Amino acid sequence: MAAIAARLITKLVDVQDKHGEATVVLTGGTVGIGTLRAVAESAASPAVDWSRVNFWWGDERFVAANSGDRNTKQAREALLAHLPVDPDRVHEPGSSDEFESAEEAAADYAARLRAAAEAEHAADMSDDRPEEPASLPRFDVLLLGVGPDAHVASLFPEQAAIREKDRTVVGVENSPKPPPSRISLTLPAINTAQEIWMVVAGEDKAGAVGLALAGANPVQVPAAGPVGRSRTLWLIDENAASRVPQQLVRKDPAGA
């Protein structure tokens, strides 16, 4: 996790050098939150101007805001509470304290993403700026974990959310993993990210990783679906890589 954290710090510094600010989409789970904790503890962390980092989440559990199940709460405890972040740049999906349903919270999150994209578009003075703003801001790095069933974010195999092609955010009900109500970016939204980092550890994920890298159908194996615009990185440990053909494995000398 320390190696992934070091890689993330370096990436954010590079993006800020180019754009002045950086945007990262966070994930939950043991590896995702462990990586955030490692970022906070890293001696290199002050190299990033944390006041100019935008934070979004790939998915969230639709529960009370102070619930320990919330990815946002875990991220605050692991990282955000320890860094000089700008609260206005921390964009948490809505909770059950604010909305009646996950679908309402998803619509609100989509609207906030669209507003951020419009503001980004208005501030872009480059000659190659598109005529119309996108529905999503630029995601520089999007972190994703993978479940043993190959789900990513809250996109589970065979469910409606993994089949969604038009919306950027959906409400998820009857999740096979508790809690049952969730909010998630859709696969088309995820795939707008410049870089997608799949962070996975554990032998229980090996089957999912192997199927994903073998090119399975994302409807059955959602982990096969994410593809970053510039690159997709699989940052996995040896146990998670145990069912990946050796010709596809490149060991990182830093241990990521």
C-alpha atoms as a PDB file:
ATOM      1  CA  MET A   1       0.000   0.000   0.000  1.00  0.00           C
ATOM      2  CA  ALA A   2       2.930   2.326   0.667  1.00  0.00           C
ATOM      3  CA  ALA A   3       4.099   1.829  -2.905  1.00  0.00           C
ATOM      4  CA  ILE A   4       0.648   2.691  -4.299  1.00  0.00           C
ATOM      5  CA  ALA A   5       0.552   5.727  -2.023  1.00  0.00           C
ATOM      6  CA  ALA A   6       3.944   6.901  -3.295  1.00  0.00           C
ATOM      7  CA  ARG A   7       2.779   6.443  -6.874  1.00  0.00           C
ATOM      8  CA  LEU A   8      -0.386   8.449  -6.175  1.00  0.00           C
ATOM      9  CA  ILE A   9       1.521  11.300  -4.552  1.00  0.00           C
ATOM     10  CA  THR A  10       3.873  11.487  -7.538  1.00  0.00           C
ATOM     11  CA  LYS A  11       0.952  11.457  -9.964  1.00  0.00           C
ATOM     12  CA  LEU A  12      -0.892  14.247  -8.164  1.00  0.00           C
ATOM     13  CA  VAL A  13       2.244  16.402  -8.134  1.00  0.00           C
ATOM     14  CA  ASP A  14       2.716  15.824 -11.874  1.00  0.00           C
ATOM     15  CA  VAL A  15      -0.911  16.702 -12.647  1.00  0.00           C
ATOM     16  CA  GLN A  16      -0.763  19.852 -10.532  1.00  0.00           C
ATOM     17  CA  ASP A  17       2.397  20.938 -12.340  1.00  0.00           C
ATOM     18  CA  LYS A  18       0.445  20.650 -15.603  1.00  0.00           C
ATOM     19  CA  HIS A  19      -3.050  21.821 -14.661  1.00  0.00           C
ATOM     20  CA  GLY A  20      -2.641  23.662 -11.349  1.00  0.00           C
ATOM     21  CA  GLU A  21      -5.053  21.288  -9.648  1.00  0.00           C
ATOM     22  CA  ALA A  22      -5.768  17.574  -9.635  1.00  0.00           C
ATOM     23  CA  THR A  23      -8.832  15.376  -9.252  1.00  0.00           C
ATOM     24  CA  VAL A  24      -8.880  11.932  -7.692  1.00  0.00           C
ATOM     25  CA  VAL A  25     -11.818   9.539  -7.355  1.00  0.00           C
ATOM     26  CA  LEU A  26     -11.529   7.485  -4.186  1.00  0.00           C
ATOM     27  CA  THR A  27     -12.617   3.960  -3.381  1.00  0.00           C
ATOM     28  CA  GLY A  28     -13.306   2.094  -0.164  1.00  0.00           C
ATOM     29  CA  GLY A  29     -12.292  -1.376   0.907  1.00  0.00           C
ATOM     30  CA  THR A  30      -9.253  -2.618   2.780  1.00  0.00           C
ATOM     31  CA  VAL A  31      -6.719  -1.735   0.089  1.00  0.00           C
ATOM     32  CA  GLY A  32      -8.374   1.536  -0.895  1.00  0.00           C
ATOM     33  CA  ILE A  33      -8.557   2.896   2.642  1.00  0.00           C
ATOM     34  CA  GLY A  34      -5.154   1.423   3.515  1.00  0.00           C
ATOM     35  CA  THR A  35      -3.666   3.313   0.576  1.00  0.00           C
ATOM     36  CA  LEU A  36      -5.205   6.569   1.808  1.00  0.00           C
ATOM     37  CA  ARG A  37      -3.779   5.964   5.262  1.00  0.00           C
ATOM     38  CA  ALA A  38      -0.360   5.358   3.710  1.00  0.00           C
ATOM     39  CA  VAL A  39      -0.627   8.645   1.784  1.00  0.00           C
ATOM     40  CA  ALA A  40      -1.347  10.532   5.007  1.00  0.00           C
ATOM     41  CA  GLU A  41       1.635   8.879   6.705  1.00  0.00           C
ATOM     42  CA  SER A  42       4.066   9.385   3.820  1.00  0.00           C
ATOM     43  CA  ALA A  43       6.950  11.811   4.275  1.00  0.00           C
ATOM     44  CA  ALA A  44       6.374  12.856   0.643  1.00  0.00           C
ATOM     45  CA  SER A  45       2.765  13.877   1.227  1.00  0.00           C
ATOM     46  CA  PRO A  46       3.555  17.624   1.651  1.00  0.00           C
ATOM     47  CA  ALA A  47       4.803  17.692  -1.972  1.00  0.00           C
ATOM     48  CA  VAL A  48       1.127  17.808  -3.014  1.00  0.00           C
ATOM     49  CA  ASP A  49      -0.827  21.055  -2.676  1.00  0.00           C
ATOM     50  CA  TRP A  50      -3.772  19.376  -0.992  1.00  0.00           C
ATOM     51  CA  SER A  51      -5.816  22.571  -1.071  1.00  0.00           C
ATOM     52  CA  ARG A  52      -5.971  22.158  -4.856  1.00  0.00           C
ATOM     53  CA  VAL A  53      -7.008  18.502  -5.008  1.00  0.00           C
ATOM     54  CA  ASN A  54     -10.631  17.676  -5.851  1.00  0.00           C
ATOM     55  CA  PHE A  55     -12.036  14.542  -4.223  1.00  0.00           C
ATOM     56  CA  TRP A  56     -14.943  12.466  -5.539  1.00  0.00           C
ATOM     57  CA  TRP A  57     -16.022   8.889  -4.816  1.00  0.00           C
ATOM     58  CA  GLY A  58     -16.709   6.060  -7.226  1.00  0.00           C
ATOM     59  CA  ASP A  59     -19.479   4.739  -5.010  1.00  0.00           C
ATOM     60  CA  GLU A  60     -20.999   5.112  -1.596  1.00  0.00           C
ATOM     61  CA  ARG A  61     -23.278   3.174   0.728  1.00  0.00           C
ATOM     62  CA  PHE A  62     -26.690   4.841   1.109  1.00  0.00           C
ATOM     63  CA  VAL A  63     -26.754   4.948   4.886  1.00  0.00           C
ATOM     64  CA  ALA A  64     -26.557   7.647   7.552  1.00  0.00           C
ATOM     65  CA  ALA A  65     -23.729  10.150   7.138  1.00  0.00           C
ATOM     66  CA  ASN A  66     -21.993   9.055  10.347  1.00  0.00           C
ATOM     67  CA  SER A  67     -22.234   5.324   9.614  1.00  0.00           C
ATOM     68  CA  GLY A  68     -19.022   3.366   9.729  1.00  0.00           C
ATOM     69  CA  ASP A  69     -20.095   1.757   6.443  1.00  0.00           C
ATOM     70  CA  ARG A  70     -19.605   5.037   4.586  1.00  0.00           C
ATOM     71  CA  ASN A  71     -16.549   5.146   2.328  1.00  0.00           C
ATOM     72  CA  THR A  72     -16.449   8.890   2.885  1.00  0.00           C
ATOM     73  CA  LYS A  73     -16.259   8.536   6.671  1.00  0.00           C
ATOM     74  CA  GLN A  74     -13.449   5.996   6.388  1.00  0.00           C
ATOM     75  CA  ALA A  75     -11.589   8.262   3.938  1.00  0.00           C
ATOM     76  CA  ARG A  76     -11.881  11.213   6.291  1.00  0.00           C
ATOM     77  CA  GLU A  77     -10.480   9.226   9.178  1.00  0.00           C
ATOM     78  CA  ALA A  78      -7.660   7.741   7.097  1.00  0.00           C
ATOM     79  CA  LEU A  79      -6.649  10.762   5.003  1.00  0.00           C
ATOM     80  CA  LEU A  80      -8.743  13.891   4.723  1.00  0.00           C
ATOM     81  CA  ALA A  81      -8.738  14.780   8.419  1.00  0.00           C
ATOM     82  CA  HIS A  82      -4.934  14.805   8.377  1.00  0.00           C
ATOM     83  CA  LEU A  83      -4.357  17.052   5.359  1.00  0.00           C
ATOM     84  CA  PRO A  84      -4.997  20.741   4.588  1.00  0.00           C
ATOM     85  CA  VAL A  85      -7.750  19.998   2.059  1.00  0.00           C
ATOM     86  CA  ASP A  86     -10.280  22.564   0.850  1.00  0.00           C
ATOM     87  CA  PRO A  87     -13.693  21.408   2.149  1.00  0.00           C
ATOM     88  CA  ASP A  88     -15.325  22.854  -0.972  1.00  0.00           C
ATOM     89  CA  ARG A  89     -13.318  20.407  -3.079  1.00  0.00           C
ATOM     90  CA  VAL A  90     -14.476  17.337  -1.136  1.00  0.00           C
ATOM     91  CA  HIS A  91     -17.609  16.060  -2.877  1.00  0.00           C
ATOM     92  CA  GLU A  92     -19.331  13.386  -0.829  1.00  0.00           C
ATOM     93  CA  PRO A  93     -22.318  11.503  -2.263  1.00  0.00           C
ATOM     94  CA  GLY A  94     -25.539  12.126  -0.350  1.00  0.00           C
ATOM     95  CA  SER A  95     -26.626  10.070   2.638  1.00  0.00           C
ATOM     96  CA  SER A  96     -29.923   8.684   3.901  1.00  0.00           C
ATOM     97  CA  ASP A  97     -30.068  11.656   6.273  1.00  0.00           C
ATOM     98  CA  GLU A  98     -30.529  13.940   3.257  1.00  0.00           C
ATOM     99  CA  PHE A  99     -32.462  11.879   0.694  1.00  0.00           C
ATOM    100  CA  GLU A 100     -35.394   9.488   0.695  1.00  0.00           C
ATOM    101  CA  SER A 101     -33.818   7.031  -1.719  1.00  0.00           C
ATOM    102  CA  ALA A 102     -30.512   6.040  -3.274  1.00  0.00           C
ATOM    103  CA  GLU A 103     -31.881   7.099  -6.652  1.00  0.00           C
ATOM    104  CA  GLU A 104     -32.514  10.650  -5.381  1.00  0.00           C
ATOM    105  CA  ALA A 105     -29.010  10.800  -3.933  1.00  0.00           C
ATOM    106  CA  ALA A 106     -27.611   9.511  -7.242  1.00  0.00           C
ATOM    107  CA  ALA A 107     -29.446  12.240  -9.176  1.00  0.00           C
ATOM    108  CA  ASP A 108     -28.029  14.869  -6.820  1.00  0.00           C
ATOM    109  CA  TYR A 109     -24.498  13.499  -7.215  1.00  0.00           C
ATOM    110  CA  ALA A 110     -24.864  13.493 -11.004  1.00  0.00           C
ATOM    111  CA  ALA A 111     -26.017  17.121 -10.890  1.00  0.00           C
ATOM    112  CA  ARG A 112     -23.016  18.133  -8.798  1.00  0.00           C
ATOM    113  CA  LEU A 113     -20.668  16.336 -11.166  1.00  0.00           C
ATOM    114  CA  ARG A 114     -22.288  18.156 -14.085  1.00  0.00           C
ATOM    115  CA  ALA A 115     -21.932  21.514 -12.323  1.00  0.00           C
ATOM    116  CA  ALA A 116     -18.235  20.826 -11.707  1.00  0.00           C
ATOM    117  CA  ALA A 117     -17.800  19.916 -15.369  1.00  0.00           C
ATOM    118  CA  GLU A 118     -19.489  23.156 -16.454  1.00  0.00           C
ATOM    119  CA  ALA A 119     -17.283  25.220 -14.138  1.00  0.00           C
ATOM    120  CA  GLU A 120     -14.199  23.437 -15.451  1.00  0.00           C
ATOM    121  CA  HIS A 121     -15.337  24.091 -19.011  1.00  0.00           C
ATOM    122  CA  ALA A 122     -15.889  27.787 -18.308  1.00  0.00           C
ATOM    123  CA  ALA A 123     -12.402  28.116 -16.812  1.00  0.00           C
ATOM    124  CA  ASP A 124     -10.710  26.336 -19.734  1.00  0.00           C
ATOM    125  CA  MET A 125      -9.212  28.981 -22.035  1.00  0.00           C
ATOM    126  CA  SER A 126      -7.363  26.556 -24.314  1.00  0.00           C
ATOM    127  CA  ASP A 127      -7.842  26.649 -28.078  1.00  0.00           C
ATOM    128  CA  ASP A 128      -8.959  23.014 -28.162  1.00  0.00           C
ATOM    129  CA  ARG A 129     -11.723  23.409 -25.578  1.00  0.00           C
ATOM    130  CA  PRO A 130     -14.855  21.493 -26.677  1.00  0.00           C
ATOM    131  CA  GLU A 131     -17.856  23.604 -27.642  1.00  0.00           C
ATOM    132  CA  GLU A 132     -20.085  22.067 -24.980  1.00  0.00           C
ATOM    133  CA  PRO A 133     -19.157  21.046 -21.423  1.00  0.00           C
ATOM    134  CA  ALA A 134     -19.119  17.364 -20.576  1.00  0.00           C
ATOM    135  CA  SER A 135     -21.370  15.904 -17.906  1.00  0.00           C
ATOM    136  CA  LEU A 136     -18.323  14.962 -15.821  1.00  0.00           C
ATOM    137  CA  PRO A 137     -15.230  16.883 -14.740  1.00  0.00           C
ATOM    138  CA  ARG A 138     -11.764  15.600 -15.625  1.00  0.00           C
ATOM    139  CA  PHE A 139     -10.857  12.636 -13.433  1.00  0.00           C
ATOM    140  CA  ASP A 140      -7.057  12.400 -13.308  1.00  0.00           C
ATOM    141  CA  VAL A 141      -6.876   9.213 -11.232  1.00  0.00           C
ATOM    142  CA  LEU A 142      -9.777   6.924 -10.395  1.00  0.00           C
ATOM    143  CA  LEU A 143      -9.132   4.214  -7.824  1.00  0.00           C
ATOM    144  CA  LEU A 144     -11.118   0.988  -7.851  1.00  0.00           C
ATOM    145  CA  GLY A 145     -11.088  -2.110  -5.717  1.00  0.00           C
ATOM    146  CA  VAL A 146     -12.386  -5.481  -6.891  1.00  0.00           C
ATOM    147  CA  GLY A 147     -14.645  -7.811  -4.932  1.00  0.00           C
ATOM    148  CA  PRO A 148     -14.354 -11.613  -4.917  1.00  0.00           C
ATOM    149  CA  ASP A 149     -17.445 -11.616  -7.172  1.00  0.00           C
ATOM    150  CA  ALA A 150     -15.596  -9.208  -9.528  1.00  0.00           C
ATOM    151  CA  HIS A 151     -17.730  -6.170  -8.676  1.00  0.00           C
ATOM    152  CA  VAL A 152     -16.183  -2.709  -8.936  1.00  0.00           C
ATOM    153  CA  ALA A 153     -17.580   0.405  -7.261  1.00  0.00           C
ATOM    154  CA  SER A 154     -21.159  -0.798  -6.627  1.00  0.00           C
ATOM    155  CA  LEU A 155     -21.545  -2.392 -10.051  1.00  0.00           C
ATOM    156  CA  PHE A 156     -22.359  -6.044  -9.422  1.00  0.00           C
ATOM    157  CA  PRO A 157     -22.490  -8.904 -11.948  1.00  0.00           C
ATOM    158  CA  GLU A 158     -25.672  -9.137 -14.026  1.00  0.00           C
ATOM    159  CA  GLN A 159     -27.398  -6.256 -12.216  1.00  0.00           C
ATOM    160  CA  ALA A 160     -29.007  -3.292 -13.978  1.00  0.00           C
ATOM    161  CA  ALA A 161     -26.306  -0.842 -12.897  1.00  0.00           C
ATOM    162  CA  ILE A 162     -23.517  -2.599 -14.809  1.00  0.00           C
ATOM    163  CA  ARG A 163     -25.672  -2.476 -17.946  1.00  0.00           C
ATOM    164  CA  GLU A 164     -26.343   1.283 -17.690  1.00  0.00           C
ATOM    165  CA  LYS A 165     -25.074   3.178 -20.733  1.00  0.00           C
ATOM    166  CA  ASP A 166     -26.630   6.651 -20.515  1.00  0.00           C
ATOM    167  CA  ARG A 167     -26.489   7.929 -16.941  1.00  0.00           C
ATOM    168  CA  THR A 168     -23.343   8.887 -15.052  1.00  0.00           C
ATOM    169  CA  VAL A 169     -24.591   7.893 -11.584  1.00  0.00           C
ATOM    170  CA  VAL A 170     -27.173   5.323 -10.513  1.00  0.00           C
ATOM    171  CA  GLY A 171     -28.892   4.245  -7.352  1.00  0.00           C
ATOM    172  CA  VAL A 172     -28.332   0.567  -6.573  1.00  0.00           C
ATOM    173  CA  GLU A 173     -30.898  -1.464  -4.655  1.00  0.00           C
ATOM    174  CA  ASN A 174     -30.723  -5.070  -3.473  1.00  0.00           C
ATOM    175  CA  SER A 175     -26.933  -5.141  -3.528  1.00  0.00           C
ATOM    176  CA  PRO A 176     -25.736  -8.713  -2.942  1.00  0.00           C
ATOM    177  CA  LYS A 177     -23.249  -7.238  -0.489  1.00  0.00           C
ATOM    178  CA  PRO A 178     -24.647  -5.274   2.475  1.00  0.00           C
ATOM    179  CA  PRO A 179     -25.701  -2.582   2.892  1.00  0.00           C
ATOM    180  CA  PRO A 180     -28.271  -3.143   0.124  1.00  0.00           C
ATOM    181  CA  SER A 181     -28.731   0.475  -1.010  1.00  0.00           C
ATOM    182  CA  ARG A 182     -25.846   2.267  -2.711  1.00  0.00           C
ATOM    183  CA  ILE A 183     -24.854   5.035  -5.111  1.00  0.00           C
ATOM    184  CA  SER A 184     -22.377   4.345  -7.897  1.00  0.00           C
ATOM    185  CA  LEU A 185     -20.728   5.848 -10.916  1.00  0.00           C
ATOM    186  CA  THR A 186     -21.640   3.877 -14.011  1.00  0.00           C
ATOM    187  CA  LEU A 187     -19.092   2.131 -16.206  1.00  0.00           C
ATOM    188  CA  PRO A 188     -19.253   4.842 -18.930  1.00  0.00           C
ATOM    189  CA  ALA A 189     -18.584   7.473 -16.240  1.00  0.00           C
ATOM    190  CA  ILE A 190     -15.698   5.482 -14.776  1.00  0.00           C
ATOM    191  CA  ASN A 191     -14.158   5.127 -18.212  1.00  0.00           C
ATOM    192  CA  THR A 192     -13.880   8.894 -18.687  1.00  0.00           C
ATOM    193  CA  ALA A 193     -10.980   8.899 -16.183  1.00  0.00           C
ATOM    194  CA  GLN A 194      -7.537   9.643 -17.564  1.00  0.00           C
ATOM    195  CA  GLU A 195      -6.053   6.840 -15.467  1.00  0.00           C
ATOM    196  CA  ILE A 196      -7.849   4.001 -13.709  1.00  0.00           C
ATOM    197  CA  TRP A 197      -5.942   2.190 -10.973  1.00  0.00           C
ATOM    198  CA  MET A 198      -7.270  -1.219  -9.965  1.00  0.00           C
ATOM    199  CA  VAL A 199      -5.947  -1.818  -6.444  1.00  0.00           C
ATOM    200  CA  VAL A 200      -6.430  -5.412  -5.331  1.00  0.00           C
ATOM    201  CA  ALA A 201      -4.989  -7.735  -2.710  1.00  0.00           C
ATOM    202  CA  GLY A 202      -5.780 -11.236  -1.485  1.00  0.00           C
ATOM    203  CA  GLU A 203      -6.171 -14.725  -2.893  1.00  0.00           C
ATOM    204  CA  ASP A 204      -9.968 -14.444  -2.653  1.00  0.00           C
ATOM    205  CA  LYS A 205      -9.786 -11.872  -5.486  1.00  0.00           C
ATOM    206  CA  ALA A 206      -7.563 -14.013  -7.735  1.00  0.00           C
ATOM    207  CA  GLY A 207     -10.396 -15.577  -9.709  1.00  0.00           C
ATOM    208  CA  ALA A 208     -11.986 -12.201 -10.404  1.00  0.00           C
ATOM    209  CA  VAL A 209      -8.661 -10.672 -11.439  1.00  0.00           C
ATOM    210  CA  GLY A 210      -7.857 -13.594 -13.716  1.00  0.00           C
ATOM    211  CA  LEU A 211     -11.232 -13.412 -15.468  1.00  0.00           C
ATOM    212  CA  ALA A 212     -11.031  -9.646 -15.852  1.00  0.00           C
ATOM    213  CA  LEU A 213      -7.576  -9.721 -17.415  1.00  0.00           C
ATOM    214  CA  ALA A 214      -8.635 -12.595 -19.674  1.00  0.00           C
ATOM    215  CA  GLY A 215     -11.162 -10.256 -21.290  1.00  0.00           C
ATOM    216  CA  ALA A 216     -14.428 -11.492 -19.773  1.00  0.00           C
ATOM    217  CA  ASN A 217     -17.726  -9.752 -20.481  1.00  0.00           C
ATOM    218  CA  PRO A 218     -18.161  -6.828 -18.029  1.00  0.00           C
ATOM    219  CA  VAL A 219     -21.818  -7.700 -17.457  1.00  0.00           C
ATOM    220  CA  GLN A 220     -20.712 -10.991 -15.870  1.00  0.00           C
ATOM    221  CA  VAL A 221     -17.321  -9.699 -14.659  1.00  0.00           C
ATOM    222  CA  PRO A 222     -17.571  -5.942 -13.984  1.00  0.00           C
ATOM    223  CA  ALA A 223     -13.846  -5.755 -13.216  1.00  0.00           C
ATOM    224  CA  ALA A 224     -13.206  -6.400 -16.903  1.00  0.00           C
ATOM    225  CA  GLY A 225     -14.946  -3.152 -17.871  1.00  0.00           C
ATOM    226  CA  PRO A 226     -12.848  -0.228 -16.564  1.00  0.00           C
ATOM    227  CA  VAL A 227     -10.480   1.231 -19.158  1.00  0.00           C
ATOM    228  CA  GLY A 228      -8.772   4.572 -18.577  1.00  0.00           C
ATOM    229  CA  ARG A 229      -8.419   7.087 -21.372  1.00  0.00           C
ATOM    230  CA  SER A 230      -4.635   7.156 -21.139  1.00  0.00           C
ATOM    231  CA  ARG A 231      -3.955   3.979 -19.173  1.00  0.00           C
ATOM    232  CA  THR A 232      -5.299   1.341 -16.826  1.00  0.00           C
ATOM    233  CA  LEU A 233      -3.046   0.041 -14.048  1.00  0.00           C
ATOM    234  CA  TRP A 234      -3.552  -3.174 -12.120  1.00  0.00           C
ATOM    235  CA  LEU A 235      -1.728  -2.702  -8.817  1.00  0.00           C
ATOM    236  CA  ILE A 236      -2.105  -6.097  -7.192  1.00  0.00           C
ATOM    237  CA  ASP A 237      -0.259  -8.326  -4.777  1.00  0.00           C
ATOM    238  CA  GLU A 238       1.070 -11.795  -5.576  1.00  0.00           C
ATOM    239  CA  ASN A 239      -1.944 -13.554  -4.091  1.00  0.00           C
ATOM    240  CA  ALA A 240      -4.422 -11.607  -6.221  1.00  0.00           C
ATOM    241  CA  ALA A 241      -2.213 -12.239  -9.271  1.00  0.00           C
ATOM    242  CA  SER A 242      -1.996 -15.995  -8.742  1.00  0.00           C
ATOM    243  CA  ARG A 243      -4.422 -16.814 -11.573  1.00  0.00           C
ATOM    244  CA  VAL A 244      -3.096 -14.281 -14.059  1.00  0.00           C
ATOM    245  CA  PRO A 245      -1.014 -15.716 -16.933  1.00  0.00           C
ATOM    246  CA  GLN A 246       2.635 -14.950 -16.193  1.00  0.00           C
ATOM    247  CA  GLN A 247       3.113 -13.196 -19.521  1.00  0.00           C
ATOM    248  CA  LEU A 248       0.650 -10.536 -18.336  1.00  0.00           C
ATOM    249  CA  VAL A 249       2.422  -9.936 -15.022  1.00  0.00           C
ATOM    250  CA  ARG A 250       5.033  -7.202 -14.675  1.00  0.00           C
ATOM    251  CA  LYS A 251       6.394  -6.855 -11.177  1.00  0.00           C
ATOM    252  CA  ASP A 252       6.856  -3.328  -9.924  1.00  0.00           C
ATOM    253  CA  PRO A 253      10.320  -2.893  -8.370  1.00  0.00           C
ATOM    254  CA  ALA A 254       8.743  -0.601  -5.795  1.00  0.00           C
ATOM    255  CA  GLY A 255       6.517  -3.441  -4.633  1.00  0.00           C
ATOM    256  CA  ALA A 256       3.176  -2.106  -5.898  1.00  0.00           C
END
